[in-house]
Amino acid sequence: MIYFFLFFKATIFSSGGFSNLPSLHQDLTARAWAPEADFGESLSIGQVTPGPNGLWVIVLGYLSYGFLGALLALIAITIPPFFVLLIAAIYTRLEHQRWIPGLMRGISLAVVGTFLTVFWTISKPSSGDWHSWLICLVAFGMAFSRRINILIILIIAAIAGFLLYR
């Protein structure tokens, strides 16, 4: 039951995609329920699979706790969007209030901070290696241009990693 609540907590206090990574990483590694390799593997599989970025959480659930872990992770990441429907209904009633733009700006800044945390968490194991930073910067530049499909970027980065680290 604790396993489910760790995934639920991470999802409810995130903004989608990879923003629940820091919380899951901290909780699952502290309890030795998921090694570092499971995070990298689940993120890679999640990026290759079609659909939303949140699918990596289901893969992490499977890698760390088998089929039951995948099912619990799926349920945990599915419940919070239902709360969003409730909040959307309330927001439509309040959106013309003067304080709403400030609230939305604060939320936007929190999302940026969360993305920076995700980046830092992912890049920390390879922070001393300039090859890793080069791959990261080139991938970021290609993604920022919005002209290259994310799958192409992943394939190019995988080939570069293979050639540099074999």
N, C-alpha and C. Protein backbone atom coordinates (compact mmCIF):
# COMPACT_ATOMS: atom_id res chain seq x y z
N MET A 1 0.82 -1.18 0.00
CA MET A 1 0.00 0.00 0.00
C MET A 1 0.87 1.26 0.00
N ILE A 2 2.01 1.21 0.70
CA ILE A 2 2.92 2.36 0.71
C ILE A 2 3.43 2.61 -0.70
N TYR A 3 3.69 1.54 -1.43
CA TYR A 3 4.18 1.64 -2.81
C TYR A 3 3.23 2.48 -3.65
N PHE A 4 1.94 2.19 -3.57
CA PHE A 4 0.92 2.94 -4.30
C PHE A 4 0.94 4.41 -3.90
N PHE A 5 0.99 4.69 -2.61
CA PHE A 5 0.93 6.07 -2.14
C PHE A 5 2.18 6.87 -2.52
N LEU A 6 3.32 6.21 -2.66
CA LEU A 6 4.51 6.92 -3.13
C LEU A 6 4.31 7.41 -4.57
N PHE A 7 3.75 6.55 -5.41
CA PHE A 7 3.47 6.94 -6.79
C PHE A 7 2.36 7.99 -6.85
N PHE A 8 1.34 7.81 -6.03
CA PHE A 8 0.22 8.76 -5.99
C PHE A 8 0.71 10.13 -5.53
N LYS A 9 1.50 10.16 -4.46
CA LYS A 9 2.03 11.43 -3.94
C LYS A 9 2.89 12.12 -4.99
N ALA A 10 3.75 11.36 -5.64
CA ALA A 10 4.62 11.94 -6.65
C ALA A 10 3.82 12.51 -7.81
N THR A 11 2.73 11.85 -8.16
CA THR A 11 1.91 12.30 -9.28
C THR A 11 1.05 13.50 -8.91
N ILE A 12 0.48 13.47 -7.73
CA ILE A 12 -0.43 14.55 -7.35
C ILE A 12 0.32 15.86 -7.13
N PHE A 13 1.59 15.78 -6.74
CA PHE A 13 2.38 16.99 -6.53
C PHE A 13 3.29 17.29 -7.72
N SER A 14 2.92 16.81 -8.90
CA SER A 14 3.71 17.09 -10.09
C SER A 14 2.80 17.73 -11.14
N SER A 15 3.42 18.13 -12.22
CA SER A 15 2.65 18.77 -13.29
C SER A 15 2.62 17.92 -14.55
N GLY A 16 2.92 16.64 -14.43
CA GLY A 16 2.88 15.74 -15.57
C GLY A 16 4.25 15.46 -16.14
N GLY A 17 4.29 14.53 -17.08
CA GLY A 17 5.55 14.20 -17.74
C GLY A 17 6.58 13.65 -16.77
N PHE A 18 7.71 14.33 -16.68
CA PHE A 18 8.82 13.88 -15.85
C PHE A 18 8.90 14.60 -14.51
N SER A 19 7.93 15.44 -14.22
CA SER A 19 8.04 16.25 -13.00
C SER A 19 7.89 15.45 -11.72
N ASN A 20 7.42 14.20 -11.82
CA ASN A 20 7.35 13.37 -10.63
C ASN A 20 8.63 12.55 -10.42
N LEU A 21 9.58 12.70 -11.31
CA LEU A 21 10.84 11.96 -11.22
C LEU A 21 11.60 12.22 -9.92
N PRO A 22 11.81 13.47 -9.50
CA PRO A 22 12.60 13.68 -8.27
C PRO A 22 11.97 13.01 -7.05
N SER A 23 10.67 13.11 -6.92
CA SER A 23 9.99 12.51 -5.77
C SER A 23 10.09 10.98 -5.80
N LEU A 24 9.80 10.39 -6.96
CA LEU A 24 9.90 8.93 -7.07
C LEU A 24 11.33 8.46 -6.87
N HIS A 25 12.27 9.18 -7.42
CA HIS A 25 13.68 8.81 -7.27
C HIS A 25 14.07 8.80 -5.80
N GLN A 26 13.72 9.86 -5.10
CA GLN A 26 14.08 9.97 -3.69
C GLN A 26 13.41 8.87 -2.86
N ASP A 27 12.11 8.66 -3.06
CA ASP A 27 11.38 7.69 -2.25
C ASP A 27 11.76 6.24 -2.55
N LEU A 28 11.86 5.90 -3.82
CA LEU A 28 12.12 4.49 -4.17
C LEU A 28 13.57 4.08 -3.93
N THR A 29 14.51 5.00 -4.16
CA THR A 29 15.90 4.63 -3.89
C THR A 29 16.18 4.60 -2.38
N ALA A 30 15.52 5.47 -1.62
CA ALA A 30 15.72 5.47 -0.16
C ALA A 30 15.26 4.17 0.47
N ARG A 31 14.24 3.55 -0.11
CA ARG A 31 13.73 2.28 0.41
C ARG A 31 14.35 1.08 -0.30
N ALA A 32 15.27 1.35 -1.22
CA ALA A 32 15.94 0.31 -2.02
C ALA A 32 14.94 -0.51 -2.82
N TRP A 33 13.87 0.12 -3.27
CA TRP A 33 12.86 -0.55 -4.09
C TRP A 33 13.16 -0.43 -5.57
N ALA A 34 14.02 0.51 -5.93
CA ALA A 34 14.39 0.69 -7.34
C ALA A 34 15.83 1.18 -7.42
N PRO A 35 16.67 0.46 -8.13
CA PRO A 35 18.05 0.94 -8.31
C PRO A 35 18.09 2.06 -9.36
N GLU A 36 19.21 2.75 -9.40
CA GLU A 36 19.38 3.86 -10.36
C GLU A 36 19.11 3.41 -11.79
N ALA A 37 19.54 2.21 -12.13
CA ALA A 37 19.39 1.72 -13.50
C ALA A 37 17.93 1.66 -13.93
N ASP A 38 17.03 1.35 -12.99
CA ASP A 38 15.61 1.27 -13.33
C ASP A 38 15.07 2.62 -13.79
N PHE A 39 15.58 3.70 -13.24
CA PHE A 39 15.10 5.02 -13.63
C PHE A 39 15.53 5.35 -15.06
N GLY A 40 16.79 5.12 -15.36
CA GLY A 40 17.26 5.38 -16.72
C GLY A 40 16.55 4.51 -17.74
N GLU A 41 16.38 3.25 -17.39
CA GLU A 41 15.71 2.31 -18.29
C GLU A 41 14.25 2.70 -18.51
N SER A 42 13.55 3.05 -17.45
CA SER A 42 12.14 3.39 -17.58
C SER A 42 11.96 4.70 -18.35
N LEU A 43 12.85 5.66 -18.15
CA LEU A 43 12.77 6.91 -18.91
C LEU A 43 13.01 6.66 -20.39
N SER A 44 13.96 5.80 -20.71
CA SER A 44 14.24 5.48 -22.11
C SER A 44 13.06 4.78 -22.77
N ILE A 45 12.52 3.78 -22.09
CA ILE A 45 11.38 3.06 -22.64
C ILE A 45 10.18 3.98 -22.76
N GLY A 46 9.97 4.82 -21.77
CA GLY A 46 8.86 5.76 -21.80
C GLY A 46 8.94 6.74 -22.96
N GLN A 47 10.15 7.13 -23.35
CA GLN A 47 10.32 8.06 -24.47
C GLN A 47 10.08 7.39 -25.81
N VAL A 48 10.41 6.13 -25.91
CA VAL A 48 10.27 5.41 -27.18
C VAL A 48 8.81 5.01 -27.43
N THR A 49 8.07 4.74 -26.36
CA THR A 49 6.69 4.30 -26.52
C THR A 49 5.80 5.46 -26.95
N PRO A 50 4.79 5.16 -27.75
CA PRO A 50 3.86 6.24 -28.15
C PRO A 50 2.97 6.64 -26.98
N GLY A 51 2.51 7.86 -27.01
CA GLY A 51 1.61 8.32 -25.96
C GLY A 51 2.25 9.34 -25.07
N PRO A 52 1.62 9.61 -23.94
CA PRO A 52 2.11 10.67 -23.04
C PRO A 52 3.41 10.29 -22.34
N ASN A 53 4.13 11.31 -21.87
CA ASN A 53 5.39 11.09 -21.17
C ASN A 53 5.23 10.34 -19.87
N GLY A 54 4.06 10.36 -19.27
CA GLY A 54 3.83 9.71 -17.99
C GLY A 54 3.91 8.19 -18.03
N LEU A 55 3.98 7.62 -19.22
CA LEU A 55 4.05 6.15 -19.32
C LEU A 55 5.33 5.59 -18.70
N TRP A 56 6.35 6.41 -18.58
CA TRP A 56 7.59 5.91 -17.99
C TRP A 56 7.36 5.46 -16.54
N VAL A 57 6.37 6.06 -15.89
CA VAL A 57 6.07 5.71 -14.49
C VAL A 57 5.56 4.27 -14.42
N ILE A 58 4.75 3.87 -15.38
CA ILE A 58 4.23 2.49 -15.41
C ILE A 58 5.39 1.52 -15.62
N VAL A 59 6.31 1.89 -16.51
CA VAL A 59 7.49 1.04 -16.74
C VAL A 59 8.32 0.93 -15.46
N LEU A 60 8.49 2.05 -14.76
CA LEU A 60 9.22 2.02 -13.49
C LEU A 60 8.52 1.12 -12.48
N GLY A 61 7.20 1.20 -12.43
CA GLY A 61 6.44 0.32 -11.55
C GLY A 61 6.68 -1.14 -11.88
N TYR A 62 6.71 -1.43 -13.17
CA TYR A 62 6.94 -2.82 -13.59
C TYR A 62 8.36 -3.28 -13.24
N LEU A 63 9.34 -2.43 -13.52
CA LEU A 63 10.73 -2.82 -13.26
C LEU A 63 11.01 -2.99 -11.78
N SER A 64 10.34 -2.20 -10.95
CA SER A 64 10.64 -2.25 -9.52
C SER A 64 9.76 -3.20 -8.73
N TYR A 65 8.55 -3.53 -9.25
CA TYR A 65 7.64 -4.37 -8.45
C TYR A 65 6.80 -5.33 -9.31
N GLY A 66 7.21 -5.52 -10.57
CA GLY A 66 6.54 -6.47 -11.44
C GLY A 66 5.19 -5.97 -11.94
N PHE A 67 4.35 -6.91 -12.32
CA PHE A 67 3.04 -6.57 -12.88
C PHE A 67 2.19 -5.78 -11.89
N LEU A 68 2.21 -6.19 -10.63
CA LEU A 68 1.44 -5.46 -9.62
C LEU A 68 1.94 -4.02 -9.48
N GLY A 69 3.24 -3.82 -9.55
CA GLY A 69 3.80 -2.47 -9.50
C GLY A 69 3.35 -1.61 -10.67
N ALA A 70 3.30 -2.21 -11.87
CA ALA A 70 2.82 -1.47 -13.04
C ALA A 70 1.36 -1.10 -12.87
N LEU A 71 0.56 -2.01 -12.35
CA LEU A 71 -0.87 -1.74 -12.14
C LEU A 71 -1.07 -0.65 -11.09
N LEU A 72 -0.34 -0.73 -9.98
CA LEU A 72 -0.45 0.30 -8.94
C LEU A 72 0.01 1.66 -9.45
N ALA A 73 1.08 1.67 -10.24
CA ALA A 73 1.56 2.94 -10.81
C ALA A 73 0.54 3.51 -11.79
N LEU A 74 -0.07 2.66 -12.59
CA LEU A 74 -1.11 3.10 -13.53
C LEU A 74 -2.28 3.74 -12.80
N ILE A 75 -2.74 3.11 -11.76
CA ILE A 75 -3.86 3.65 -10.98
C ILE A 75 -3.46 4.96 -10.31
N ALA A 76 -2.24 4.99 -9.77
CA ALA A 76 -1.77 6.19 -9.06
C ALA A 76 -1.64 7.39 -9.99
N ILE A 77 -1.24 7.18 -11.25
CA ILE A 77 -1.11 8.32 -12.16
C ILE A 77 -2.41 8.64 -12.88
N THR A 78 -3.42 7.80 -12.73
CA THR A 78 -4.71 8.05 -13.37
C THR A 78 -5.65 8.85 -12.48
N ILE A 79 -5.57 8.68 -11.18
CA ILE A 79 -6.50 9.36 -10.27
C ILE A 79 -6.35 10.88 -10.29
N PRO A 80 -5.15 11.45 -10.22
CA PRO A 80 -5.04 12.92 -10.18
C PRO A 80 -5.69 13.67 -11.36
N PRO A 81 -5.66 13.14 -12.59
CA PRO A 81 -6.35 13.89 -13.65
C PRO A 81 -7.86 14.07 -13.40
N PHE A 82 -8.45 13.19 -12.65
CA PHE A 82 -9.85 13.38 -12.32
C PHE A 82 -10.04 14.60 -11.42
N PHE A 83 -9.04 14.86 -10.56
CA PHE A 83 -9.09 16.07 -9.74
C PHE A 83 -8.98 17.32 -10.62
N VAL A 84 -8.24 17.20 -11.72
CA VAL A 84 -8.07 18.32 -12.64
C VAL A 84 -9.43 18.72 -13.23
N LEU A 85 -10.27 17.75 -13.52
CA LEU A 85 -11.61 18.06 -14.03
C LEU A 85 -12.40 18.88 -13.02
N LEU A 86 -12.29 18.53 -11.77
CA LEU A 86 -12.96 19.29 -10.72
C LEU A 86 -12.41 20.72 -10.63
N ILE A 87 -11.09 20.83 -10.67
CA ILE A 87 -10.45 22.14 -10.60
C ILE A 87 -10.82 22.98 -11.83
N ALA A 88 -10.91 22.35 -13.00
CA ALA A 88 -11.29 23.08 -14.21
C ALA A 88 -12.70 23.65 -14.09
N ALA A 89 -13.58 22.90 -13.49
CA ALA A 89 -14.95 23.39 -13.29
C ALA A 89 -14.95 24.60 -12.34
N ILE A 90 -14.14 24.55 -11.31
CA ILE A 90 -14.05 25.67 -10.37
C ILE A 90 -13.37 26.86 -11.05
N TYR A 91 -12.34 26.58 -11.84
CA TYR A 91 -11.60 27.66 -12.52
C TYR A 91 -12.49 28.45 -13.46
N THR A 92 -13.37 27.78 -14.19
CA THR A 92 -14.25 28.51 -15.11
C THR A 92 -15.13 29.52 -14.37
N ARG A 93 -15.42 29.25 -13.13
CA ARG A 93 -16.21 30.18 -12.32
C ARG A 93 -15.36 31.34 -11.78
N LEU A 94 -14.06 31.09 -11.60
CA LEU A 94 -13.19 32.09 -10.97
C LEU A 94 -12.24 32.81 -11.94
N GLU A 95 -12.18 32.40 -13.19
CA GLU A 95 -11.14 32.89 -14.08
C GLU A 95 -11.14 34.40 -14.30
N HIS A 96 -12.22 35.07 -14.03
CA HIS A 96 -12.28 36.52 -14.24
C HIS A 96 -11.92 37.32 -12.99
N GLN A 97 -11.51 36.64 -11.94
CA GLN A 97 -11.08 37.33 -10.72
C GLN A 97 -9.71 37.97 -10.94
N ARG A 98 -9.43 39.06 -10.26
CA ARG A 98 -8.18 39.81 -10.45
C ARG A 98 -6.95 39.03 -9.99
N TRP A 99 -7.07 38.15 -9.03
CA TRP A 99 -5.92 37.46 -8.45
C TRP A 99 -5.52 36.21 -9.23
N ILE A 100 -6.31 35.76 -10.18
CA ILE A 100 -6.02 34.53 -10.93
C ILE A 100 -4.74 34.64 -11.77
N PRO A 101 -4.47 35.76 -12.50
CA PRO A 101 -3.20 35.81 -13.27
C PRO A 101 -1.95 35.65 -12.40
N GLY A 102 -1.95 36.23 -11.22
CA GLY A 102 -0.80 36.07 -10.32
C GLY A 102 -0.64 34.63 -9.86
N LEU A 103 -1.76 33.99 -9.57
CA LEU A 103 -1.73 32.58 -9.18
C LEU A 103 -1.16 31.72 -10.31
N MET A 104 -1.61 31.97 -11.53
CA MET A 104 -1.15 31.18 -12.67
C MET A 104 0.34 31.43 -12.95
N ARG A 105 0.80 32.66 -12.75
CA ARG A 105 2.22 32.93 -12.94
C ARG A 105 3.07 32.17 -11.91
N GLY A 106 2.61 32.15 -10.67
CA GLY A 106 3.31 31.38 -9.64
C GLY A 106 3.39 29.91 -9.97
N ILE A 107 2.30 29.36 -10.46
CA ILE A 107 2.29 27.94 -10.86
C ILE A 107 3.25 27.71 -12.01
N SER A 108 3.27 28.62 -12.98
CA SER A 108 4.19 28.48 -14.12
C SER A 108 5.64 28.48 -13.67
N LEU A 109 5.98 29.33 -12.74
CA LEU A 109 7.35 29.37 -12.23
C LEU A 109 7.71 28.09 -11.47
N ALA A 110 6.74 27.54 -10.76
CA ALA A 110 6.97 26.28 -10.06
C ALA A 110 7.23 25.15 -11.06
N VAL A 111 6.53 25.17 -12.19
CA VAL A 111 6.75 24.15 -13.22
C VAL A 111 8.16 24.27 -13.79
N VAL A 112 8.62 25.48 -14.05
CA VAL A 112 9.98 25.69 -14.55
C VAL A 112 11.00 25.16 -13.54
N GLY A 113 10.79 25.44 -12.26
CA GLY A 113 11.68 24.92 -11.23
C GLY A 113 11.68 23.41 -11.18
N THR A 114 10.52 22.81 -11.37
CA THR A 114 10.42 21.35 -11.38
C THR A 114 11.18 20.76 -12.56
N PHE A 115 11.06 21.37 -13.73
CA PHE A 115 11.79 20.88 -14.90
C PHE A 115 13.29 20.98 -14.69
N LEU A 116 13.75 22.07 -14.07
CA LEU A 116 15.18 22.20 -13.79
C LEU A 116 15.64 21.12 -12.80
N THR A 117 14.79 20.78 -11.83
CA THR A 117 15.11 19.71 -10.89
C THR A 117 15.22 18.37 -11.60
N VAL A 118 14.30 18.11 -12.52
CA VAL A 118 14.35 16.87 -13.30
C VAL A 118 15.64 16.81 -14.11
N PHE A 119 15.99 17.91 -14.77
CA PHE A 119 17.23 17.96 -15.53
C PHE A 119 18.43 17.67 -14.64
N TRP A 120 18.48 18.30 -13.48
CA TRP A 120 19.61 18.11 -12.58
C TRP A 120 19.70 16.67 -12.09
N THR A 121 18.55 16.06 -11.78
CA THR A 121 18.52 14.68 -11.31
C THR A 121 19.03 13.73 -12.37
N ILE A 122 18.63 13.94 -13.60
CA ILE A 122 19.05 13.06 -14.69
C ILE A 122 20.53 13.26 -15.02
N SER A 123 20.99 14.51 -14.98
CA SER A 123 22.36 14.79 -15.42
C SER A 123 23.40 14.56 -14.34
N LYS A 124 23.01 14.43 -13.08
CA LYS A 124 23.97 14.31 -11.99
C LYS A 124 24.94 13.12 -12.14
N PRO A 125 24.47 11.91 -12.52
CA PRO A 125 25.43 10.80 -12.61
C PRO A 125 26.54 11.02 -13.64
N SER A 126 26.31 11.83 -14.66
CA SER A 126 27.32 12.01 -15.69
C SER A 126 27.86 13.44 -15.72
N SER A 127 27.77 14.15 -14.60
CA SER A 127 28.12 15.57 -14.59
C SER A 127 29.60 15.85 -14.83
N GLY A 128 30.48 14.90 -14.60
CA GLY A 128 31.90 15.15 -14.78
C GLY A 128 32.40 14.85 -16.18
N ASP A 129 31.54 14.38 -17.05
CA ASP A 129 31.93 13.92 -18.37
C ASP A 129 31.50 14.93 -19.43
N TRP A 130 32.42 15.54 -20.13
CA TRP A 130 32.08 16.56 -21.12
C TRP A 130 31.35 15.98 -22.32
N HIS A 131 31.57 14.68 -22.61
CA HIS A 131 30.83 14.05 -23.71
C HIS A 131 29.33 14.04 -23.42
N SER A 132 28.99 13.74 -22.19
CA SER A 132 27.57 13.71 -21.81
C SER A 132 26.94 15.08 -21.95
N TRP A 133 27.67 16.10 -21.51
CA TRP A 133 27.15 17.47 -21.63
C TRP A 133 27.00 17.88 -23.08
N LEU A 134 27.92 17.44 -23.92
CA LEU A 134 27.83 17.77 -25.35
C LEU A 134 26.60 17.12 -25.98
N ILE A 135 26.38 15.84 -25.67
CA ILE A 135 25.19 15.16 -26.18
C ILE A 135 23.93 15.86 -25.68
N CYS A 136 23.93 16.24 -24.42
CA CYS A 136 22.78 16.93 -23.84
C CYS A 136 22.52 18.27 -24.53
N LEU A 137 23.55 19.05 -24.73
CA LEU A 137 23.38 20.36 -25.35
C LEU A 137 22.94 20.26 -26.80
N VAL A 138 23.49 19.31 -27.55
CA VAL A 138 23.08 19.12 -28.94
C VAL A 138 21.63 18.66 -28.99
N ALA A 139 21.26 17.72 -28.12
CA ALA A 139 19.87 17.26 -28.08
C ALA A 139 18.92 18.39 -27.70
N PHE A 140 19.33 19.21 -26.73
CA PHE A 140 18.51 20.36 -26.34
C PHE A 140 18.35 21.32 -27.50
N GLY A 141 19.42 21.61 -28.20
CA GLY A 141 19.35 22.52 -29.35
C GLY A 141 18.43 21.98 -30.44
N MET A 142 18.53 20.68 -30.70
CA MET A 142 17.65 20.10 -31.72
C MET A 142 16.20 20.13 -31.27
N ALA A 143 15.96 19.84 -30.00
CA ALA A 143 14.58 19.86 -29.49
C ALA A 143 14.04 21.28 -29.44
N PHE A 144 14.88 22.24 -29.09
CA PHE A 144 14.46 23.64 -28.98
C PHE A 144 14.07 24.20 -30.34
N SER A 145 14.70 23.72 -31.39
CA SER A 145 14.38 24.20 -32.73
C SER A 145 12.99 23.75 -33.18
N ARG A 146 12.48 22.69 -32.57
CA ARG A 146 11.15 22.13 -32.87
C ARG A 146 11.03 21.68 -34.33
N ARG A 147 12.13 21.46 -34.98
CA ARG A 147 12.10 21.00 -36.37
C ARG A 147 12.38 19.51 -36.47
N ILE A 148 12.91 18.94 -35.41
CA ILE A 148 13.32 17.54 -35.45
C ILE A 148 12.46 16.75 -34.48
N ASN A 149 11.93 15.64 -34.94
CA ASN A 149 11.09 14.77 -34.11
C ASN A 149 11.91 14.24 -32.93
N ILE A 150 11.26 14.11 -31.78
CA ILE A 150 11.94 13.65 -30.56
C ILE A 150 12.54 12.25 -30.74
N LEU A 151 11.89 11.39 -31.51
CA LEU A 151 12.44 10.05 -31.73
C LEU A 151 13.77 10.12 -32.49
N ILE A 152 13.86 11.02 -33.46
CA ILE A 152 15.12 11.19 -34.20
C ILE A 152 16.21 11.68 -33.25
N ILE A 153 15.87 12.61 -32.38
CA ILE A 153 16.84 13.12 -31.40
C ILE A 153 17.31 12.00 -30.49
N LEU A 154 16.38 11.17 -30.03
CA LEU A 154 16.75 10.04 -29.16
C LEU A 154 17.65 9.05 -29.88
N ILE A 155 17.34 8.77 -31.13
CA ILE A 155 18.16 7.83 -31.90
C ILE A 155 19.57 8.38 -32.10
N ILE A 156 19.67 9.67 -32.45
CA ILE A 156 20.99 10.29 -32.64
C ILE A 156 21.77 10.28 -31.33
N ALA A 157 21.11 10.60 -30.22
CA ALA A 157 21.78 10.60 -28.91
C ALA A 157 22.22 9.19 -28.53
N ALA A 158 21.38 8.20 -28.82
CA ALA A 158 21.74 6.81 -28.51
C ALA A 158 22.96 6.37 -29.32
N ILE A 159 22.99 6.73 -30.58
CA ILE A 159 24.13 6.36 -31.43
C ILE A 159 25.39 7.07 -30.92
N ALA A 160 25.27 8.36 -30.59
CA ALA A 160 26.43 9.10 -30.07
C ALA A 160 26.92 8.47 -28.77
N GLY A 161 25.98 8.13 -27.87
CA GLY A 161 26.37 7.48 -26.62
C GLY A 161 27.04 6.15 -26.85
N PHE A 162 26.53 5.38 -27.80
CA PHE A 162 27.13 4.08 -28.11
C PHE A 162 28.55 4.26 -28.64
N LEU A 163 28.72 5.20 -29.55
CA LEU A 163 30.05 5.41 -30.15
C LEU A 163 31.05 5.96 -29.14
N LEU A 164 30.60 6.81 -28.23
CA LEU A 164 31.51 7.43 -27.26
C LEU A 164 31.81 6.55 -26.05
N TYR A 165 30.89 5.68 -25.68
CA TYR A 165 31.04 4.95 -24.41
C TYR A 165 31.15 3.43 -24.55
N ARG A 166 31.37 2.93 -25.72
CA ARG A 166 31.47 1.46 -25.85
C ARG A 166 32.78 0.94 -25.40
